[in-house]
Amino acid sequence: MKSQEAPEVVRGSGNVFRDLHHANADVLQFKAILAAEIIKVLDQEGLSLRAAHARTGYAAADFSRIRNADLGRFTVDRLMTILNGLGTRIEVKIRVRQQPEAA
Protein backbone atom coordinates (compact mmCIF):
# COMPACT_ATOMS: atom_id res chain seq x y z
CA MET A 1 0.00 0.00 0.00
CA LYS A 2 1.32 3.45 -0.91
CA SER A 3 1.95 5.96 1.81
CA GLN A 4 -0.33 8.92 1.52
CA GLU A 5 1.13 12.39 1.77
CA ALA A 6 -0.87 15.05 3.54
CA PRO A 7 -2.41 17.44 1.01
CA GLU A 8 -0.96 20.93 0.85
CA VAL A 9 -3.17 23.49 2.55
CA VAL A 10 -3.38 26.81 0.76
CA ARG A 11 -5.14 29.79 2.31
CA GLY A 12 -7.36 31.60 -0.17
CA SER A 13 -7.36 35.35 -0.61
CA GLY A 14 -11.09 35.67 0.04
CA ASN A 15 -11.70 36.20 -3.66
CA VAL A 16 -11.93 32.96 -5.61
CA PHE A 17 -11.55 34.84 -8.89
CA ARG A 18 -8.21 36.27 -7.73
CA ASP A 19 -7.12 32.84 -6.55
CA LEU A 20 -7.87 31.53 -10.05
CA HIS A 21 -5.92 34.44 -11.59
CA HIS A 22 -8.80 36.15 -13.43
CA ALA A 23 -7.83 39.57 -14.79
CA ASN A 24 -10.89 41.39 -13.39
CA ALA A 25 -11.10 39.45 -10.14
CA ASP A 26 -12.43 42.31 -8.01
CA VAL A 27 -15.19 43.16 -10.50
CA LEU A 28 -16.20 39.51 -10.84
CA GLN A 29 -16.33 39.13 -7.05
CA PHE A 30 -18.45 42.27 -6.69
CA LYS A 31 -20.86 41.10 -9.39
CA ALA A 32 -21.17 37.71 -7.67
CA ILE A 33 -21.97 39.39 -4.34
CA LEU A 34 -24.62 41.61 -5.97
CA ALA A 35 -26.15 38.61 -7.75
CA ALA A 36 -26.29 36.68 -4.47
CA GLU A 37 -28.12 39.62 -2.87
CA ILE A 38 -30.62 39.70 -5.74
CA ILE A 39 -31.27 35.98 -5.33
CA LYS A 40 -31.66 36.47 -1.58
CA VAL A 41 -34.35 39.14 -2.11
CA LEU A 42 -36.18 36.97 -4.65
CA ASP A 43 -36.16 34.02 -2.25
CA GLN A 44 -37.09 36.01 0.87
CA GLU A 45 -40.03 37.66 -0.87
CA GLY A 46 -41.03 34.56 -2.81
CA LEU A 47 -40.86 36.45 -6.10
CA SER A 48 -41.18 34.55 -9.34
CA LEU A 49 -39.16 35.68 -12.33
CA ARG A 50 -42.28 37.32 -13.78
CA ALA A 51 -43.06 39.11 -10.53
CA ALA A 52 -39.48 40.38 -10.38
CA HIS A 53 -39.87 41.61 -13.96
CA ALA A 54 -43.12 43.39 -13.08
CA ARG A 55 -41.46 45.09 -10.11
CA THR A 56 -38.25 46.18 -11.83
CA GLY A 57 -38.94 46.28 -15.56
CA TYR A 58 -36.01 43.95 -16.21
CA ALA A 59 -36.74 40.86 -18.28
CA ALA A 60 -37.57 37.60 -16.53
CA ALA A 61 -34.71 36.09 -18.57
CA ASP A 62 -32.31 38.45 -16.80
CA PHE A 63 -33.37 37.07 -13.43
CA SER A 64 -32.97 33.55 -14.78
CA ARG A 65 -29.41 34.40 -15.86
CA ILE A 66 -28.67 35.84 -12.43
CA ARG A 67 -30.01 32.70 -10.72
CA ASN A 68 -27.75 30.61 -12.98
CA ALA A 69 -24.70 32.82 -12.23
CA ASP A 70 -24.48 33.77 -15.91
CA LEU A 71 -23.32 37.31 -15.17
CA GLY A 72 -21.34 38.09 -18.32
CA ARG A 73 -24.05 40.38 -19.71
CA PHE A 74 -24.37 42.40 -16.52
CA THR A 75 -22.45 45.43 -15.38
CA VAL A 76 -22.05 46.28 -11.71
CA ASP A 77 -24.26 49.31 -12.30
CA ARG A 78 -27.03 47.21 -13.83
CA LEU A 79 -26.98 44.72 -10.96
CA MET A 80 -27.14 47.59 -8.45
CA THR A 81 -30.07 49.12 -10.36
CA ILE A 82 -31.90 45.77 -10.26
CA LEU A 83 -31.34 45.56 -6.50
CA ASN A 84 -32.70 49.08 -6.07
CA GLY A 85 -35.71 48.13 -8.20
CA LEU A 86 -36.38 45.26 -5.81
CA GLY A 87 -36.65 47.77 -2.98
CA THR A 88 -33.25 47.42 -1.39
CA ARG A 89 -30.63 50.01 -0.55
CA ILE A 90 -26.98 49.35 -1.26
CA GLU A 91 -24.04 50.56 0.77
CA VAL A 92 -20.63 50.07 -0.78
CA LYS A 93 -17.41 50.49 1.19
CA ILE A 94 -14.18 50.66 -0.74
CA ARG A 95 -10.75 49.91 0.62
CA VAL A 96 -7.79 50.41 -1.71
CA ARG A 97 -4.68 48.37 -1.00
CA GLN A 98 -1.40 48.04 -2.80
CA GLN A 99 -1.09 44.80 -4.67
CA PRO A 100 1.67 42.55 -3.28
CA GLU A 101 4.71 42.44 -5.51
CA ALA A 102 5.21 39.26 -7.49
CA ALA A 103 7.98 37.03 -6.24
C-alpha atoms as a PDB file:
ATOM      1  CA  MET A   1       0.000   0.000   0.000  1.00  0.00           C
ATOM      2  CA  LYS A   2       1.323   3.449  -0.915  1.00  0.00           C
ATOM      3  CA  SER A   3       1.954   5.957   1.809  1.00  0.00           C
ATOM      4  CA  GLN A   4      -0.326   8.924   1.525  1.00  0.00           C
ATOM      5  CA  GLU A   5       1.125  12.395   1.774  1.00  0.00           C
ATOM      6  CA  ALA A   6      -0.873  15.051   3.538  1.00  0.00           C
ATOM      7  CA  PRO A   7      -2.413  17.435   1.009  1.00  0.00           C
ATOM      8  CA  GLU A   8      -0.958  20.927   0.845  1.00  0.00           C
ATOM      9  CA  VAL A   9      -3.172  23.488   2.547  1.00  0.00           C
ATOM     10  CA  VAL A  10      -3.384  26.808   0.761  1.00  0.00           C
ATOM     11  CA  ARG A  11      -5.141  29.786   2.311  1.00  0.00           C
ATOM     12  CA  GLY A  12      -7.363  31.600  -0.173  1.00  0.00           C
ATOM     13  CA  SER A  13      -7.356  35.349  -0.608  1.00  0.00           C
ATOM     14  CA  GLY A  14     -11.087  35.674   0.045  1.00  0.00           C
ATOM     15  CA  ASN A  15     -11.702  36.199  -3.664  1.00  0.00           C
ATOM     16  CA  VAL A  16     -11.934  32.962  -5.609  1.00  0.00           C
ATOM     17  CA  PHE A  17     -11.546  34.840  -8.895  1.00  0.00           C
ATOM     18  CA  ARG A  18      -8.213  36.271  -7.735  1.00  0.00           C
ATOM     19  CA  ASP A  19      -7.121  32.840  -6.555  1.00  0.00           C
ATOM     20  CA  LEU A  20      -7.873  31.531 -10.055  1.00  0.00           C
ATOM     21  CA  HIS A  21      -5.920  34.439 -11.594  1.00  0.00           C
ATOM     22  CA  HIS A  22      -8.798  36.153 -13.430  1.00  0.00           C
ATOM     23  CA  ALA A  23      -7.828  39.572 -14.788  1.00  0.00           C
ATOM     24  CA  ASN A  24     -10.893  41.387 -13.385  1.00  0.00           C
ATOM     25  CA  ALA A  25     -11.101  39.452 -10.139  1.00  0.00           C
ATOM     26  CA  ASP A  26     -12.433  42.310  -8.015  1.00  0.00           C
ATOM     27  CA  VAL A  27     -15.193  43.163 -10.498  1.00  0.00           C
ATOM     28  CA  LEU A  28     -16.200  39.512 -10.837  1.00  0.00           C
ATOM     29  CA  GLN A  29     -16.326  39.128  -7.049  1.00  0.00           C
ATOM     30  CA  PHE A  30     -18.449  42.273  -6.685  1.00  0.00           C
ATOM     31  CA  LYS A  31     -20.859  41.096  -9.394  1.00  0.00           C
ATOM     32  CA  ALA A  32     -21.168  37.707  -7.673  1.00  0.00           C
ATOM     33  CA  ILE A  33     -21.966  39.393  -4.344  1.00  0.00           C
ATOM     34  CA  LEU A  34     -24.616  41.606  -5.966  1.00  0.00           C
ATOM     35  CA  ALA A  35     -26.147  38.612  -7.747  1.00  0.00           C
ATOM     36  CA  ALA A  36     -26.290  36.681  -4.470  1.00  0.00           C
ATOM     37  CA  GLU A  37     -28.118  39.618  -2.875  1.00  0.00           C
ATOM     38  CA  ILE A  38     -30.624  39.698  -5.743  1.00  0.00           C
ATOM     39  CA  ILE A  39     -31.267  35.982  -5.331  1.00  0.00           C
ATOM     40  CA  LYS A  40     -31.661  36.470  -1.578  1.00  0.00           C
ATOM     41  CA  VAL A  41     -34.348  39.137  -2.113  1.00  0.00           C
ATOM     42  CA  LEU A  42     -36.181  36.971  -4.651  1.00  0.00           C
ATOM     43  CA  ASP A  43     -36.163  34.024  -2.253  1.00  0.00           C
ATOM     44  CA  GLN A  44     -37.091  36.014   0.866  1.00  0.00           C
ATOM     45  CA  GLU A  45     -40.027  37.660  -0.867  1.00  0.00           C
ATOM     46  CA  GLY A  46     -41.030  34.560  -2.810  1.00  0.00           C
ATOM     47  CA  LEU A  47     -40.864  36.453  -6.104  1.00  0.00           C
ATOM     48  CA  SER A  48     -41.181  34.553  -9.341  1.00  0.00           C
ATOM     49  CA  LEU A  49     -39.160  35.682 -12.330  1.00  0.00           C
ATOM     50  CA  ARG A  50     -42.281  37.319 -13.783  1.00  0.00           C
ATOM     51  CA  ALA A  51     -43.062  39.114 -10.526  1.00  0.00           C
ATOM     52  CA  ALA A  52     -39.478  40.381 -10.378  1.00  0.00           C
ATOM     53  CA  HIS A  53     -39.872  41.607 -13.965  1.00  0.00           C
ATOM     54  CA  ALA A  54     -43.117  43.389 -13.077  1.00  0.00           C
ATOM     55  CA  ARG A  55     -41.465  45.094 -10.105  1.00  0.00           C
ATOM     56  CA  THR A  56     -38.247  46.177 -11.830  1.00  0.00           C
ATOM     57  CA  GLY A  57     -38.943  46.283 -15.559  1.00  0.00           C
ATOM     58  CA  TYR A  58     -36.014  43.950 -16.205  1.00  0.00           C
ATOM     59  CA  ALA A  59     -36.736  40.855 -18.285  1.00  0.00           C
ATOM     60  CA  ALA A  60     -37.566  37.605 -16.529  1.00  0.00           C
ATOM     61  CA  ALA A  61     -34.713  36.085 -18.568  1.00  0.00           C
ATOM     62  CA  ASP A  62     -32.309  38.454 -16.800  1.00  0.00           C
ATOM     63  CA  PHE A  63     -33.373  37.072 -13.434  1.00  0.00           C
ATOM     64  CA  SER A  64     -32.969  33.554 -14.780  1.00  0.00           C
ATOM     65  CA  ARG A  65     -29.407  34.400 -15.859  1.00  0.00           C
ATOM     66  CA  ILE A  66     -28.671  35.841 -12.428  1.00  0.00           C
ATOM     67  CA  ARG A  67     -30.009  32.701 -10.716  1.00  0.00           C
ATOM     68  CA  ASN A  68     -27.749  30.611 -12.978  1.00  0.00           C
ATOM     69  CA  ALA A  69     -24.696  32.818 -12.233  1.00  0.00           C
ATOM     70  CA  ASP A  70     -24.485  33.773 -15.914  1.00  0.00           C
ATOM     71  CA  LEU A  71     -23.320  37.310 -15.168  1.00  0.00           C
ATOM     72  CA  GLY A  72     -21.340  38.092 -18.320  1.00  0.00           C
ATOM     73  CA  ARG A  73     -24.051  40.382 -19.708  1.00  0.00           C
ATOM     74  CA  PHE A  74     -24.371  42.398 -16.518  1.00  0.00           C
ATOM     75  CA  THR A  75     -22.448  45.431 -15.377  1.00  0.00           C
ATOM     76  CA  VAL A  76     -22.047  46.282 -11.714  1.00  0.00           C
ATOM     77  CA  ASP A  77     -24.256  49.315 -12.305  1.00  0.00           C
ATOM     78  CA  ARG A  78     -27.029  47.205 -13.828  1.00  0.00           C
ATOM     79  CA  LEU A  79     -26.980  44.724 -10.955  1.00  0.00           C
ATOM     80  CA  MET A  80     -27.139  47.588  -8.453  1.00  0.00           C
ATOM     81  CA  THR A  81     -30.075  49.116 -10.362  1.00  0.00           C
ATOM     82  CA  ILE A  82     -31.901  45.770 -10.259  1.00  0.00           C
ATOM     83  CA  LEU A  83     -31.339  45.557  -6.495  1.00  0.00           C
ATOM     84  CA  ASN A  84     -32.697  49.075  -6.070  1.00  0.00           C
ATOM     85  CA  GLY A  85     -35.707  48.131  -8.197  1.00  0.00           C
ATOM     86  CA  LEU A  86     -36.378  45.260  -5.811  1.00  0.00           C
ATOM     87  CA  GLY A  87     -36.654  47.773  -2.985  1.00  0.00           C
ATOM     88  CA  THR A  88     -33.246  47.418  -1.392  1.00  0.00           C
ATOM     89  CA  ARG A  89     -30.626  50.012  -0.552  1.00  0.00           C
ATOM     90  CA  ILE A  90     -26.980  49.352  -1.256  1.00  0.00           C
ATOM     91  CA  GLU A  91     -24.037  50.559   0.771  1.00  0.00           C
ATOM     92  CA  VAL A  92     -20.630  50.071  -0.780  1.00  0.00           C
ATOM     93  CA  LYS A  93     -17.410  50.486   1.188  1.00  0.00           C
ATOM     94  CA  ILE A  94     -14.182  50.660  -0.737  1.00  0.00           C
ATOM     95  CA  ARG A  95     -10.747  49.912   0.621  1.00  0.00           C
ATOM     96  CA  VAL A  96      -7.791  50.410  -1.707  1.00  0.00           C
ATOM     97  CA  ARG A  97      -4.684  48.365  -1.000  1.00  0.00           C
ATOM     98  CA  GLN A  98      -1.397  48.040  -2.801  1.00  0.00           C
ATOM     99  CA  GLN A  99      -1.086  44.797  -4.668  1.00  0.00           C
ATOM    100  CA  PRO A 100       1.670  42.554  -3.282  1.00  0.00           C
ATOM    101  CA  GLU A 101       4.710  42.439  -5.513  1.00  0.00           C
ATOM    102  CA  ALA A 102       5.206  39.259  -7.492  1.00  0.00           C
ATOM    103  CA  ALA A 103       7.982  37.034  -6.238  1.00  0.00           C
END
